[in-house]
C-alpha cells in the first residue's frame, strides 16, 4: 500500500523517530496561499497529533479572512 497524495489533499508524515508527526501540504497550497499554509503548518505543529492538515488550514485561513466562513464550513464538510 503506497501513501500517494492526490492534488489538493494533505497528509501527515513523520520528521524522524522521536520528533512526532508533521503535517504536509501539497505544492498547490504553498503556491496559491503561502502565508495561510505556513500558519496552518505552525498551528498543526503546536496542537500536535490532534489536528489534521485540513482543519489547520481552514483555521489559519479564517484568522486572516473571516469573511470566508461559509466557504470554510463547506470545505470542512467535504470528504476527501
N, C-alpha and C. Protein backbone atom coordinates (compact mmCIF):
# COMPACT_ATOMS: atom_id res chain seq x y z
N UNK A 1 0.85 -1.18 0.00
CA UNK A 1 0.00 0.00 0.00
C UNK A 1 0.89 1.23 0.00
N UNK A 2 0.70 2.12 -0.95
CA UNK A 2 1.51 3.33 -1.02
C UNK A 2 0.72 4.50 -0.51
N UNK A 3 1.43 5.48 -0.03
CA UNK A 3 0.82 6.69 0.51
C UNK A 3 1.08 7.83 -0.46
N UNK A 4 0.31 7.86 -1.54
CA UNK A 4 0.49 8.87 -2.56
C UNK A 4 -0.62 9.90 -2.48
N UNK A 5 -0.28 11.17 -2.18
CA UNK A 5 -1.33 12.18 -2.09
C UNK A 5 -1.83 12.58 -3.47
N UNK A 6 -3.10 12.92 -3.55
CA UNK A 6 -3.65 13.44 -4.80
C UNK A 6 -3.64 14.96 -4.72
N UNK A 7 -3.91 15.62 -5.81
CA UNK A 7 -3.92 17.07 -5.83
C UNK A 7 -4.93 17.62 -4.83
N UNK A 8 -4.50 18.56 -4.02
CA UNK A 8 -5.40 19.21 -3.09
C UNK A 8 -5.58 18.49 -1.77
N UNK A 9 -4.89 17.40 -1.55
CA UNK A 9 -5.02 16.72 -0.28
C UNK A 9 -3.77 16.95 0.55
N UNK A 10 -3.91 16.78 1.83
CA UNK A 10 -2.77 16.91 2.73
C UNK A 10 -2.61 15.61 3.48
N UNK A 11 -1.42 15.31 3.88
CA UNK A 11 -1.21 14.07 4.61
C UNK A 11 -0.25 14.31 5.76
N UNK A 12 -0.32 13.45 6.74
CA UNK A 12 0.58 13.53 7.88
C UNK A 12 1.82 12.70 7.59
N UNK A 13 2.92 13.13 8.12
CA UNK A 13 4.17 12.42 7.94
C UNK A 13 4.93 12.50 9.25
N UNK A 14 6.05 11.85 9.30
CA UNK A 14 6.88 11.97 10.49
C UNK A 14 8.21 12.59 10.11
N UNK A 15 8.73 13.44 10.99
CA UNK A 15 10.02 14.07 10.73
C UNK A 15 11.11 13.02 10.81
N UNK A 16 11.25 12.43 11.96
CA UNK A 16 12.19 11.36 12.21
C UNK A 16 11.77 10.71 13.51
N UNK A 17 12.29 9.56 13.81
CA UNK A 17 11.86 8.89 15.04
C UNK A 17 12.05 9.76 16.27
N UNK A 18 10.99 9.87 17.05
CA UNK A 18 11.07 10.63 18.30
C UNK A 18 10.68 12.09 18.21
N UNK A 19 10.46 12.61 17.00
CA UNK A 19 10.11 14.01 16.87
C UNK A 19 8.63 14.24 16.64
N UNK A 20 7.85 13.21 16.49
CA UNK A 20 6.41 13.37 16.35
C UNK A 20 5.96 13.63 14.93
N UNK A 21 4.65 13.78 14.74
CA UNK A 21 4.09 13.94 13.40
C UNK A 21 4.30 15.35 12.84
N UNK A 22 4.28 15.43 11.53
CA UNK A 22 4.35 16.71 10.84
C UNK A 22 3.30 16.69 9.74
N UNK A 23 2.58 17.76 9.63
CA UNK A 23 1.54 17.87 8.61
C UNK A 23 2.21 18.36 7.33
N UNK A 24 1.81 17.74 6.21
CA UNK A 24 2.36 18.13 4.91
C UNK A 24 1.23 18.63 4.02
N UNK A 25 1.52 19.65 3.25
CA UNK A 25 0.55 20.25 2.35
C UNK A 25 1.04 20.10 0.92
N UNK A 26 0.12 19.97 -0.03
CA UNK A 26 0.52 19.85 -1.43
C UNK A 26 1.13 21.16 -1.95
N UNK A 27 1.90 21.04 -3.00
CA UNK A 27 2.58 22.19 -3.59
C UNK A 27 1.60 23.28 -4.01
N UNK A 28 0.44 22.90 -4.49
CA UNK A 28 -0.56 23.89 -4.92
C UNK A 28 -0.93 24.82 -3.78
N UNK A 29 -1.07 24.29 -2.57
CA UNK A 29 -1.39 25.14 -1.42
C UNK A 29 -0.27 26.13 -1.15
N UNK A 30 0.97 25.66 -1.22
CA UNK A 30 2.11 26.55 -0.97
C UNK A 30 2.20 27.66 -2.03
N UNK A 31 1.89 27.33 -3.27
CA UNK A 31 1.98 28.33 -4.34
C UNK A 31 0.83 29.33 -4.32
N UNK A 32 -0.38 28.86 -4.03
CA UNK A 32 -1.55 29.74 -4.09
C UNK A 32 -1.78 30.54 -2.81
N UNK A 33 -1.42 29.99 -1.67
CA UNK A 33 -1.65 30.68 -0.39
C UNK A 33 -0.51 30.38 0.57
N UNK A 34 0.67 30.92 0.31
CA UNK A 34 1.83 30.56 1.14
C UNK A 34 1.71 31.00 2.61
N UNK A 35 1.17 32.18 2.86
CA UNK A 35 1.03 32.63 4.26
C UNK A 35 0.08 31.76 5.05
N UNK A 36 -1.06 31.46 4.44
CA UNK A 36 -2.05 30.61 5.11
C UNK A 36 -1.47 29.22 5.37
N UNK A 37 -0.77 28.68 4.40
CA UNK A 37 -0.20 27.35 4.54
C UNK A 37 0.87 27.33 5.62
N UNK A 38 1.71 28.37 5.66
CA UNK A 38 2.74 28.46 6.70
C UNK A 38 2.11 28.53 8.09
N UNK A 39 1.09 29.36 8.24
CA UNK A 39 0.40 29.45 9.54
C UNK A 39 -0.29 28.14 9.91
N UNK A 40 -0.87 27.48 8.93
CA UNK A 40 -1.53 26.20 9.19
C UNK A 40 -0.52 25.15 9.65
N UNK A 41 0.63 25.14 9.04
CA UNK A 41 1.67 24.19 9.44
C UNK A 41 2.13 24.45 10.87
N UNK A 42 2.31 25.71 11.20
CA UNK A 42 2.71 26.06 12.57
C UNK A 42 1.62 25.72 13.57
N UNK A 43 0.38 25.97 13.21
CA UNK A 43 -0.75 25.66 14.08
C UNK A 43 -0.85 24.16 14.33
N UNK A 44 -0.72 23.37 13.29
CA UNK A 44 -0.79 21.91 13.44
C UNK A 44 0.38 21.39 14.28
N UNK A 45 1.54 21.98 14.12
CA UNK A 45 2.70 21.57 14.92
C UNK A 45 2.49 21.90 16.39
N UNK A 46 1.88 23.04 16.66
CA UNK A 46 1.63 23.45 18.03
C UNK A 46 0.59 22.55 18.69
N UNK A 47 -0.43 22.19 17.97
CA UNK A 47 -1.52 21.37 18.52
C UNK A 47 -1.15 19.91 18.62
N UNK A 48 -0.19 19.46 17.87
CA UNK A 48 0.23 18.07 17.93
C UNK A 48 -0.64 17.17 17.08
N UNK A 49 -0.78 15.92 17.52
CA UNK A 49 -1.47 14.91 16.72
C UNK A 49 -2.97 15.13 16.62
N UNK A 50 -3.53 16.00 17.43
CA UNK A 50 -4.97 16.17 17.45
C UNK A 50 -5.55 16.97 16.31
N UNK A 51 -4.72 17.56 15.45
CA UNK A 51 -5.23 18.40 14.36
C UNK A 51 -4.71 17.92 13.02
N UNK A 52 -5.65 17.73 12.09
CA UNK A 52 -5.24 17.32 10.75
C UNK A 52 -4.94 18.55 9.91
N UNK A 53 -4.38 18.32 8.73
CA UNK A 53 -3.95 19.41 7.86
C UNK A 53 -5.11 20.26 7.38
N UNK A 54 -6.22 19.63 7.03
CA UNK A 54 -7.38 20.38 6.51
C UNK A 54 -7.93 21.34 7.56
N UNK A 55 -8.09 20.87 8.78
CA UNK A 55 -8.61 21.72 9.86
C UNK A 55 -7.65 22.86 10.16
N UNK A 56 -6.37 22.55 10.22
CA UNK A 56 -5.36 23.59 10.48
C UNK A 56 -5.39 24.65 9.39
N UNK A 57 -5.52 24.23 8.14
CA UNK A 57 -5.52 25.19 7.04
C UNK A 57 -6.75 26.10 7.11
N UNK A 58 -7.90 25.52 7.40
CA UNK A 58 -9.14 26.32 7.48
C UNK A 58 -9.05 27.30 8.64
N UNK A 59 -8.56 26.88 9.79
CA UNK A 59 -8.44 27.79 10.93
C UNK A 59 -7.46 28.92 10.64
N UNK A 60 -6.35 28.60 9.99
CA UNK A 60 -5.38 29.64 9.63
C UNK A 60 -5.99 30.60 8.60
N UNK A 61 -6.76 30.07 7.68
CA UNK A 61 -7.40 30.92 6.66
C UNK A 61 -8.42 31.87 7.28
N UNK A 62 -9.21 31.34 8.21
CA UNK A 62 -10.23 32.17 8.87
C UNK A 62 -9.61 33.25 9.75
N UNK A 63 -8.42 33.01 10.24
CA UNK A 63 -7.75 34.02 11.06
C UNK A 63 -7.47 35.28 10.24
N UNK A 64 -7.07 35.11 8.99
CA UNK A 64 -6.79 36.27 8.12
C UNK A 64 -7.99 36.73 7.32
N UNK A 65 -8.90 35.83 7.01
CA UNK A 65 -10.04 36.15 6.15
C UNK A 65 -11.34 35.64 6.77
N UNK A 66 -11.85 36.29 7.81
CA UNK A 66 -13.07 35.81 8.46
C UNK A 66 -14.30 35.85 7.56
N UNK A 67 -14.26 36.63 6.50
CA UNK A 67 -15.41 36.71 5.59
C UNK A 67 -15.59 35.42 4.77
N UNK A 68 -14.61 34.53 4.80
CA UNK A 68 -14.71 33.27 4.06
C UNK A 68 -15.27 32.14 4.92
N UNK A 69 -16.01 32.48 5.94
CA UNK A 69 -16.55 31.49 6.88
C UNK A 69 -17.44 30.45 6.19
N UNK A 70 -18.31 30.88 5.31
CA UNK A 70 -19.20 29.96 4.61
C UNK A 70 -18.43 28.95 3.77
N UNK A 71 -17.43 29.43 3.06
CA UNK A 71 -16.59 28.53 2.27
C UNK A 71 -15.86 27.53 3.17
N UNK A 72 -15.35 28.02 4.30
CA UNK A 72 -14.60 27.16 5.22
C UNK A 72 -15.47 26.04 5.78
N UNK A 73 -16.68 26.37 6.15
CA UNK A 73 -17.59 25.35 6.69
C UNK A 73 -17.89 24.31 5.62
N UNK A 74 -18.11 24.76 4.40
CA UNK A 74 -18.36 23.83 3.29
C UNK A 74 -17.14 22.95 3.05
N UNK A 75 -15.96 23.54 3.08
CA UNK A 75 -14.71 22.82 2.84
C UNK A 75 -14.47 21.74 3.89
N UNK A 76 -14.75 22.05 5.14
CA UNK A 76 -14.56 21.07 6.21
C UNK A 76 -15.57 19.94 6.14
N UNK A 77 -16.74 20.21 5.57
CA UNK A 77 -17.78 19.19 5.47
C UNK A 77 -17.53 18.17 4.37
N UNK A 78 -16.62 18.48 3.44
CA UNK A 78 -16.33 17.57 2.34
C UNK A 78 -15.48 16.40 2.81
N UNK A 79 -15.69 15.28 2.19
CA UNK A 79 -14.86 14.10 2.47
C UNK A 79 -13.71 14.08 1.47
N UNK A 80 -12.57 13.61 1.91
CA UNK A 80 -11.50 13.53 0.94
C UNK A 80 -10.25 13.33 1.57
